[in-house]
Amino acid sequence: MSRPRDRIAYVGQDDQIHVVSCRGTEHRQLTLSLEGHPLLFWNRPDKTASNHTWPTWSPDGKKLLCFEFPGGDEPNGLARIHALETDGIRQVELLAVRDKLPIYAAWHPRHEGVAVLFQNENNLILGWLELDAP
């Protein structure tokens, strides 16, 4: 894949995170909804669709942070925050929260962690995630 500054991360029409080079080549899908995928869905009828949003590059361009929300008719389910390796191989769940909606994220300039802004019914809450100690 090309250098980090030559790539664009975006949310596709499938509500998943994708990365593509600025030239429109080297497309890679980084997230996957387990719903409807026969190999991942095997013996897991409780899996529902999920939507990923807010891809945010790490300062070194090696990782993306994103939010995952339950799809369908479950708006009050768990919201999850993931760190994705941009090679598409590793995805780590950093946090799962209920009754708080992550709405913004910003990486520390030296890659020491991520600030996340959450919203609940009445408040905004600023949280801090350390990547090696979720």
N, C-alpha and C. Protein backbone atom coordinates (compact mmCIF):
# COMPACT_ATOMS: atom_id res chain seq x y z
N MET A 1 0.86 -1.18 0.00
CA MET A 1 0.00 0.00 0.00
C MET A 1 0.90 1.23 0.00
N SER A 2 0.38 2.33 -0.46
CA SER A 2 1.13 3.57 -0.57
C SER A 2 1.42 4.18 0.80
N ARG A 3 2.19 5.24 0.80
CA ARG A 3 2.53 5.93 2.05
C ARG A 3 1.26 6.46 2.71
N PRO A 4 1.28 6.64 4.05
CA PRO A 4 0.08 7.08 4.78
C PRO A 4 -0.52 8.38 4.26
N ARG A 5 0.31 9.34 3.88
CA ARG A 5 -0.24 10.62 3.45
C ARG A 5 -0.89 10.55 2.08
N ASP A 6 -0.71 9.44 1.38
CA ASP A 6 -1.30 9.27 0.06
C ASP A 6 -2.57 8.43 0.09
N ARG A 7 -3.15 8.24 1.27
CA ARG A 7 -4.34 7.39 1.39
C ARG A 7 -5.51 8.17 1.97
N ILE A 8 -6.68 7.71 1.65
CA ILE A 8 -7.92 8.30 2.15
C ILE A 8 -8.71 7.20 2.84
N ALA A 9 -9.16 7.48 4.05
CA ALA A 9 -10.05 6.55 4.76
C ALA A 9 -11.46 7.13 4.65
N TYR A 10 -12.44 6.26 4.39
CA TYR A 10 -13.81 6.74 4.25
C TYR A 10 -14.80 5.66 4.66
N VAL A 11 -16.04 6.07 4.88
CA VAL A 11 -17.13 5.15 5.18
C VAL A 11 -17.85 4.87 3.86
N GLY A 12 -17.87 3.61 3.47
CA GLY A 12 -18.50 3.22 2.21
C GLY A 12 -20.01 3.14 2.32
N GLN A 13 -20.64 2.88 1.20
CA GLN A 13 -22.09 2.73 1.18
C GLN A 13 -22.55 1.54 2.01
N ASP A 14 -21.62 0.64 2.30
CA ASP A 14 -21.93 -0.53 3.13
C ASP A 14 -21.75 -0.24 4.62
N ASP A 15 -21.50 1.03 4.99
CA ASP A 15 -21.30 1.46 6.38
C ASP A 15 -20.08 0.81 7.02
N GLN A 16 -19.07 0.52 6.22
CA GLN A 16 -17.81 -0.05 6.68
C GLN A 16 -16.67 0.91 6.33
N ILE A 17 -15.54 0.75 7.02
CA ILE A 17 -14.38 1.61 6.79
C ILE A 17 -13.55 1.04 5.66
N HIS A 18 -13.20 1.89 4.71
CA HIS A 18 -12.38 1.53 3.56
C HIS A 18 -11.20 2.49 3.48
N VAL A 19 -10.13 2.03 2.83
CA VAL A 19 -8.96 2.86 2.56
C VAL A 19 -8.64 2.72 1.08
N VAL A 20 -8.27 3.84 0.47
CA VAL A 20 -7.93 3.84 -0.95
C VAL A 20 -6.80 4.83 -1.16
N SER A 21 -5.97 4.60 -2.15
CA SER A 21 -4.92 5.56 -2.46
C SER A 21 -5.56 6.80 -3.09
N CYS A 22 -4.85 7.90 -3.04
CA CYS A 22 -5.38 9.14 -3.62
C CYS A 22 -5.59 9.03 -5.13
N ARG A 23 -4.97 8.06 -5.75
CA ARG A 23 -5.15 7.84 -7.19
C ARG A 23 -6.37 6.96 -7.49
N GLY A 24 -7.02 6.47 -6.43
CA GLY A 24 -8.20 5.63 -6.61
C GLY A 24 -7.87 4.16 -6.78
N THR A 25 -6.63 3.78 -6.52
CA THR A 25 -6.22 2.38 -6.62
C THR A 25 -5.95 1.84 -5.22
N GLU A 26 -5.58 0.59 -5.15
CA GLU A 26 -5.21 -0.06 -3.89
C GLU A 26 -6.32 0.03 -2.83
N HIS A 27 -7.53 -0.27 -3.25
CA HIS A 27 -8.67 -0.24 -2.32
C HIS A 27 -8.57 -1.41 -1.34
N ARG A 28 -8.91 -1.12 -0.07
CA ARG A 28 -8.93 -2.16 0.96
C ARG A 28 -10.07 -1.86 1.93
N GLN A 29 -10.89 -2.86 2.21
CA GLN A 29 -11.92 -2.73 3.23
C GLN A 29 -11.32 -3.17 4.56
N LEU A 30 -11.45 -2.33 5.60
CA LEU A 30 -10.83 -2.64 6.89
C LEU A 30 -11.78 -3.23 7.92
N THR A 31 -13.05 -2.87 7.87
CA THR A 31 -14.01 -3.41 8.84
C THR A 31 -14.99 -4.31 8.12
N LEU A 32 -15.70 -5.10 8.91
CA LEU A 32 -16.61 -6.08 8.35
C LEU A 32 -17.78 -6.26 9.30
N SER A 33 -18.98 -6.18 8.78
CA SER A 33 -20.15 -6.50 9.59
C SER A 33 -20.36 -8.00 9.51
N LEU A 34 -20.52 -8.65 10.65
CA LEU A 34 -20.64 -10.11 10.67
C LEU A 34 -21.98 -10.59 10.14
N GLU A 35 -22.96 -9.74 10.12
CA GLU A 35 -24.29 -10.14 9.65
C GLU A 35 -24.23 -10.43 8.16
N GLY A 36 -24.74 -11.58 7.78
CA GLY A 36 -24.86 -11.92 6.38
C GLY A 36 -23.63 -12.53 5.74
N HIS A 37 -22.54 -12.70 6.47
CA HIS A 37 -21.35 -13.35 5.91
C HIS A 37 -21.36 -14.81 6.34
N PRO A 38 -21.56 -15.74 5.40
CA PRO A 38 -21.78 -17.13 5.77
C PRO A 38 -20.65 -17.76 6.59
N LEU A 39 -19.41 -17.46 6.31
CA LEU A 39 -18.32 -18.07 7.07
C LEU A 39 -18.21 -17.51 8.47
N LEU A 40 -18.51 -16.23 8.64
CA LEU A 40 -18.42 -15.62 9.96
C LEU A 40 -19.72 -15.77 10.74
N PHE A 41 -20.80 -16.04 10.05
CA PHE A 41 -22.12 -16.11 10.65
C PHE A 41 -22.45 -17.52 11.16
N TRP A 42 -21.64 -18.49 10.80
CA TRP A 42 -21.90 -19.89 11.11
C TRP A 42 -22.21 -20.08 12.59
N ASN A 43 -23.37 -20.62 12.88
CA ASN A 43 -23.81 -20.95 14.24
C ASN A 43 -23.87 -19.71 15.15
N ARG A 44 -24.05 -18.51 14.58
CA ARG A 44 -24.16 -17.27 15.36
C ARG A 44 -25.39 -16.49 14.90
N PRO A 45 -26.60 -17.02 15.07
CA PRO A 45 -27.78 -16.33 14.56
C PRO A 45 -28.07 -15.01 15.26
N ASP A 46 -27.38 -14.74 16.39
CA ASP A 46 -27.64 -13.52 17.13
C ASP A 46 -26.87 -12.32 16.58
N LYS A 47 -25.98 -12.52 15.62
CA LYS A 47 -25.19 -11.42 15.07
C LYS A 47 -26.06 -10.54 14.18
N THR A 48 -26.00 -9.25 14.45
CA THR A 48 -26.74 -8.29 13.64
C THR A 48 -25.76 -7.37 12.93
N ALA A 49 -26.26 -6.62 12.00
CA ALA A 49 -25.42 -5.71 11.24
C ALA A 49 -24.83 -4.64 12.14
N SER A 50 -23.67 -4.15 11.76
CA SER A 50 -23.07 -3.05 12.49
C SER A 50 -22.59 -2.00 11.49
N ASN A 51 -22.59 -0.77 11.94
CA ASN A 51 -22.16 0.35 11.12
C ASN A 51 -20.89 0.94 11.72
N HIS A 52 -19.92 1.23 10.90
CA HIS A 52 -18.67 1.83 11.36
C HIS A 52 -18.61 3.26 10.85
N THR A 53 -18.03 4.13 11.65
CA THR A 53 -17.98 5.54 11.28
C THR A 53 -16.76 6.21 11.89
N TRP A 54 -16.53 7.43 11.51
CA TRP A 54 -15.52 8.33 12.03
C TRP A 54 -14.10 7.75 11.96
N PRO A 55 -13.61 7.36 10.76
CA PRO A 55 -12.23 6.89 10.67
C PRO A 55 -11.27 8.05 10.94
N THR A 56 -10.33 7.84 11.84
CA THR A 56 -9.40 8.88 12.27
C THR A 56 -7.98 8.32 12.23
N TRP A 57 -7.13 8.90 11.39
CA TRP A 57 -5.75 8.43 11.23
C TRP A 57 -4.91 8.69 12.47
N SER A 58 -4.04 7.74 12.82
CA SER A 58 -3.02 7.97 13.84
C SER A 58 -1.95 8.88 13.24
N PRO A 59 -1.20 9.59 14.07
CA PRO A 59 -0.18 10.51 13.55
C PRO A 59 0.85 9.84 12.65
N ASP A 60 1.18 8.57 12.90
CA ASP A 60 2.17 7.89 12.06
C ASP A 60 1.54 7.22 10.84
N GLY A 61 0.22 7.27 10.71
CA GLY A 61 -0.47 6.72 9.55
C GLY A 61 -0.54 5.20 9.53
N LYS A 62 -0.22 4.54 10.63
CA LYS A 62 -0.24 3.08 10.67
C LYS A 62 -1.55 2.51 11.21
N LYS A 63 -2.34 3.35 11.86
CA LYS A 63 -3.60 2.87 12.46
C LYS A 63 -4.72 3.85 12.16
N LEU A 64 -5.92 3.33 12.26
CA LEU A 64 -7.13 4.13 12.21
C LEU A 64 -7.94 3.82 13.45
N LEU A 65 -8.61 4.82 13.96
CA LEU A 65 -9.57 4.62 15.03
C LEU A 65 -10.94 4.75 14.38
N CYS A 66 -11.92 3.97 14.82
CA CYS A 66 -13.28 4.15 14.31
C CYS A 66 -14.28 3.77 15.39
N PHE A 67 -15.50 4.20 15.19
CA PHE A 67 -16.61 3.86 16.08
C PHE A 67 -17.47 2.81 15.37
N GLU A 68 -18.02 1.89 16.15
CA GLU A 68 -18.95 0.88 15.63
C GLU A 68 -20.26 1.01 16.38
N PHE A 69 -21.34 1.09 15.63
CA PHE A 69 -22.67 1.19 16.21
C PHE A 69 -23.52 0.04 15.72
N PRO A 70 -24.45 -0.45 16.55
CA PRO A 70 -25.34 -1.51 16.08
C PRO A 70 -26.25 -0.98 14.98
N GLY A 71 -26.46 -1.80 13.99
CA GLY A 71 -27.36 -1.41 12.91
C GLY A 71 -28.77 -1.86 13.21
N GLY A 72 -29.64 -1.58 12.31
CA GLY A 72 -31.01 -2.04 12.43
C GLY A 72 -31.80 -1.31 13.49
N ASP A 73 -32.62 -2.08 14.22
CA ASP A 73 -33.55 -1.50 15.18
C ASP A 73 -33.02 -1.48 16.61
N GLU A 74 -31.71 -1.47 16.80
CA GLU A 74 -31.15 -1.51 18.14
C GLU A 74 -30.30 -0.25 18.41
N PRO A 75 -30.93 0.93 18.45
CA PRO A 75 -30.16 2.16 18.60
C PRO A 75 -29.51 2.31 19.98
N ASN A 76 -29.95 1.57 20.97
CA ASN A 76 -29.40 1.71 22.32
C ASN A 76 -28.41 0.62 22.67
N GLY A 77 -27.91 -0.09 21.67
CA GLY A 77 -26.94 -1.15 21.92
C GLY A 77 -25.58 -0.57 22.26
N LEU A 78 -24.62 -1.43 22.37
CA LEU A 78 -23.26 -1.02 22.70
C LEU A 78 -22.63 -0.26 21.54
N ALA A 79 -22.00 0.85 21.85
CA ALA A 79 -21.15 1.55 20.90
C ALA A 79 -19.73 1.09 21.21
N ARG A 80 -18.97 0.79 20.18
CA ARG A 80 -17.63 0.26 20.37
C ARG A 80 -16.61 1.17 19.68
N ILE A 81 -15.42 1.21 20.25
CA ILE A 81 -14.33 1.98 19.66
C ILE A 81 -13.23 0.99 19.31
N HIS A 82 -12.77 1.04 18.05
CA HIS A 82 -11.77 0.10 17.56
C HIS A 82 -10.53 0.83 17.06
N ALA A 83 -9.39 0.18 17.22
CA ALA A 83 -8.16 0.60 16.56
C ALA A 83 -7.89 -0.43 15.46
N LEU A 84 -7.68 0.04 14.25
CA LEU A 84 -7.48 -0.83 13.09
C LEU A 84 -6.07 -0.67 12.56
N GLU A 85 -5.42 -1.77 12.24
CA GLU A 85 -4.16 -1.71 11.52
C GLU A 85 -4.53 -1.46 10.05
N THR A 86 -3.83 -0.57 9.40
CA THR A 86 -4.22 -0.21 8.03
C THR A 86 -3.85 -1.26 7.00
N ASP A 87 -3.15 -2.31 7.42
CA ASP A 87 -2.91 -3.42 6.49
C ASP A 87 -4.12 -4.35 6.44
N GLY A 88 -5.13 -4.08 7.28
CA GLY A 88 -6.37 -4.85 7.26
C GLY A 88 -6.31 -6.15 8.04
N ILE A 89 -5.22 -6.40 8.76
CA ILE A 89 -5.06 -7.68 9.44
C ILE A 89 -5.56 -7.66 10.87
N ARG A 90 -5.36 -6.58 11.58
CA ARG A 90 -5.67 -6.57 13.02
C ARG A 90 -6.66 -5.47 13.36
N GLN A 91 -7.65 -5.82 14.17
CA GLN A 91 -8.63 -4.87 14.68
C GLN A 91 -8.77 -5.15 16.17
N VAL A 92 -8.58 -4.11 17.01
CA VAL A 92 -8.65 -4.27 18.45
C VAL A 92 -9.79 -3.41 19.00
N GLU A 93 -10.67 -4.02 19.77
CA GLU A 93 -11.71 -3.26 20.44
C GLU A 93 -11.10 -2.62 21.68
N LEU A 94 -11.13 -1.29 21.72
CA LEU A 94 -10.56 -0.56 22.84
C LEU A 94 -11.57 -0.32 23.95
N LEU A 95 -12.84 -0.16 23.58
CA LEU A 95 -13.85 0.19 24.57
C LEU A 95 -15.23 -0.12 24.02
N ALA A 96 -16.11 -0.57 24.89
CA ALA A 96 -17.53 -0.73 24.56
C ALA A 96 -18.32 0.03 25.62
N VAL A 97 -19.22 0.90 25.20
CA VAL A 97 -20.00 1.73 26.12
C VAL A 97 -21.48 1.67 25.78
N ARG A 98 -22.28 1.80 26.81
CA ARG A 98 -23.73 1.86 26.66
C ARG A 98 -24.18 3.20 27.24
N ASP A 99 -25.20 3.79 26.67
CA ASP A 99 -25.77 5.04 27.14
C ASP A 99 -24.86 6.25 26.94
N LYS A 100 -23.80 6.08 26.18
CA LYS A 100 -22.93 7.19 25.78
C LYS A 100 -22.61 6.98 24.31
N LEU A 101 -22.70 8.03 23.55
CA LEU A 101 -22.45 7.95 22.12
C LEU A 101 -21.13 8.64 21.80
N PRO A 102 -20.12 7.90 21.30
CA PRO A 102 -18.90 8.58 20.89
C PRO A 102 -19.17 9.43 19.65
N ILE A 103 -18.76 10.69 19.70
CA ILE A 103 -19.09 11.58 18.58
C ILE A 103 -17.86 12.22 17.94
N TYR A 104 -16.68 12.11 18.59
CA TYR A 104 -15.48 12.71 18.04
C TYR A 104 -14.26 12.04 18.66
N ALA A 105 -13.18 11.93 17.88
CA ALA A 105 -11.94 11.35 18.40
C ALA A 105 -10.75 12.11 17.84
N ALA A 106 -9.69 12.22 18.65
CA ALA A 106 -8.45 12.87 18.21
C ALA A 106 -7.27 12.14 18.85
N TRP A 107 -6.29 11.77 18.03
CA TRP A 107 -5.09 11.09 18.50
C TRP A 107 -4.14 12.08 19.17
N HIS A 108 -3.42 11.60 20.16
CA HIS A 108 -2.33 12.38 20.75
C HIS A 108 -1.24 12.49 19.68
N PRO A 109 -0.58 13.65 19.54
CA PRO A 109 0.41 13.83 18.48
C PRO A 109 1.57 12.83 18.53
N ARG A 110 1.90 12.32 19.70
CA ARG A 110 2.98 11.34 19.81
C ARG A 110 2.45 9.91 19.93
N HIS A 111 1.20 9.71 19.54
CA HIS A 111 0.61 8.37 19.48
C HIS A 111 0.48 7.73 20.87
N GLU A 112 0.33 8.55 21.92
CA GLU A 112 0.25 8.03 23.28
C GLU A 112 -1.16 7.63 23.68
N GLY A 113 -2.14 7.98 22.93
CA GLY A 113 -3.51 7.64 23.24
C GLY A 113 -4.47 8.43 22.38
N VAL A 114 -5.75 8.33 22.72
CA VAL A 114 -6.80 8.96 21.94
C VAL A 114 -7.80 9.64 22.87
N ALA A 115 -8.12 10.89 22.60
CA ALA A 115 -9.19 11.58 23.31
C ALA A 115 -10.49 11.31 22.56
N VAL A 116 -11.54 10.97 23.30
CA VAL A 116 -12.84 10.68 22.69
C VAL A 116 -13.89 11.52 23.40
N LEU A 117 -14.71 12.19 22.61
CA LEU A 117 -15.82 12.96 23.14
C LEU A 117 -17.09 12.12 23.04
N PHE A 118 -17.76 11.96 24.17
CA PHE A 118 -19.00 11.19 24.24
C PHE A 118 -20.16 12.14 24.54
N GLN A 119 -21.35 11.73 24.13
CA GLN A 119 -22.56 12.47 24.44
C GLN A 119 -23.58 11.50 25.03
N ASN A 120 -24.20 11.92 26.14
CA ASN A 120 -25.36 11.17 26.62
C ASN A 120 -26.55 12.12 26.56
N GLU A 121 -27.62 11.81 27.23
CA GLU A 121 -28.82 12.64 27.10
C GLU A 121 -28.60 14.09 27.50
N ASN A 122 -27.77 14.33 28.51
CA ASN A 122 -27.64 15.69 29.05
C ASN A 122 -26.24 16.28 29.00
N ASN A 123 -25.23 15.47 28.76
CA ASN A 123 -23.86 15.95 28.94
C ASN A 123 -22.94 15.54 27.79
N LEU A 124 -21.84 16.29 27.70
CA LEU A 124 -20.70 15.87 26.90
C LEU A 124 -19.63 15.40 27.88
N ILE A 125 -18.98 14.30 27.56
CA ILE A 125 -17.99 13.70 28.44
C ILE A 125 -16.72 13.48 27.62
N LEU A 126 -15.60 13.97 28.13
CA LEU A 126 -14.33 13.77 27.46
C LEU A 126 -13.62 12.59 28.11
N GLY A 127 -13.26 11.61 27.29
CA GLY A 127 -12.57 10.43 27.79
C GLY A 127 -11.20 10.29 27.16
N TRP A 128 -10.35 9.49 27.77
CA TRP A 128 -8.99 9.25 27.28
C TRP A 128 -8.75 7.75 27.21
N LEU A 129 -8.30 7.27 26.08
CA LEU A 129 -7.98 5.86 25.90
C LEU A 129 -6.49 5.71 25.65
N GLU A 130 -5.85 4.87 26.44
CA GLU A 130 -4.46 4.52 26.17
C GLU A 130 -4.46 3.22 25.39
N LEU A 131 -3.76 3.18 24.30
CA LEU A 131 -3.83 2.02 23.41
C LEU A 131 -3.29 0.75 24.04
N ASP A 132 -2.31 0.84 24.91
CA ASP A 132 -1.77 -0.36 25.53
C ASP A 132 -2.45 -0.71 26.85
N ALA A 133 -3.43 0.10 27.29
CA ALA A 133 -4.15 -0.18 28.53
C ALA A 133 -5.60 0.23 28.38
N PRO A 134 -6.35 -0.48 27.53
CA PRO A 134 -7.75 -0.05 27.30
C PRO A 134 -8.61 -0.17 28.55
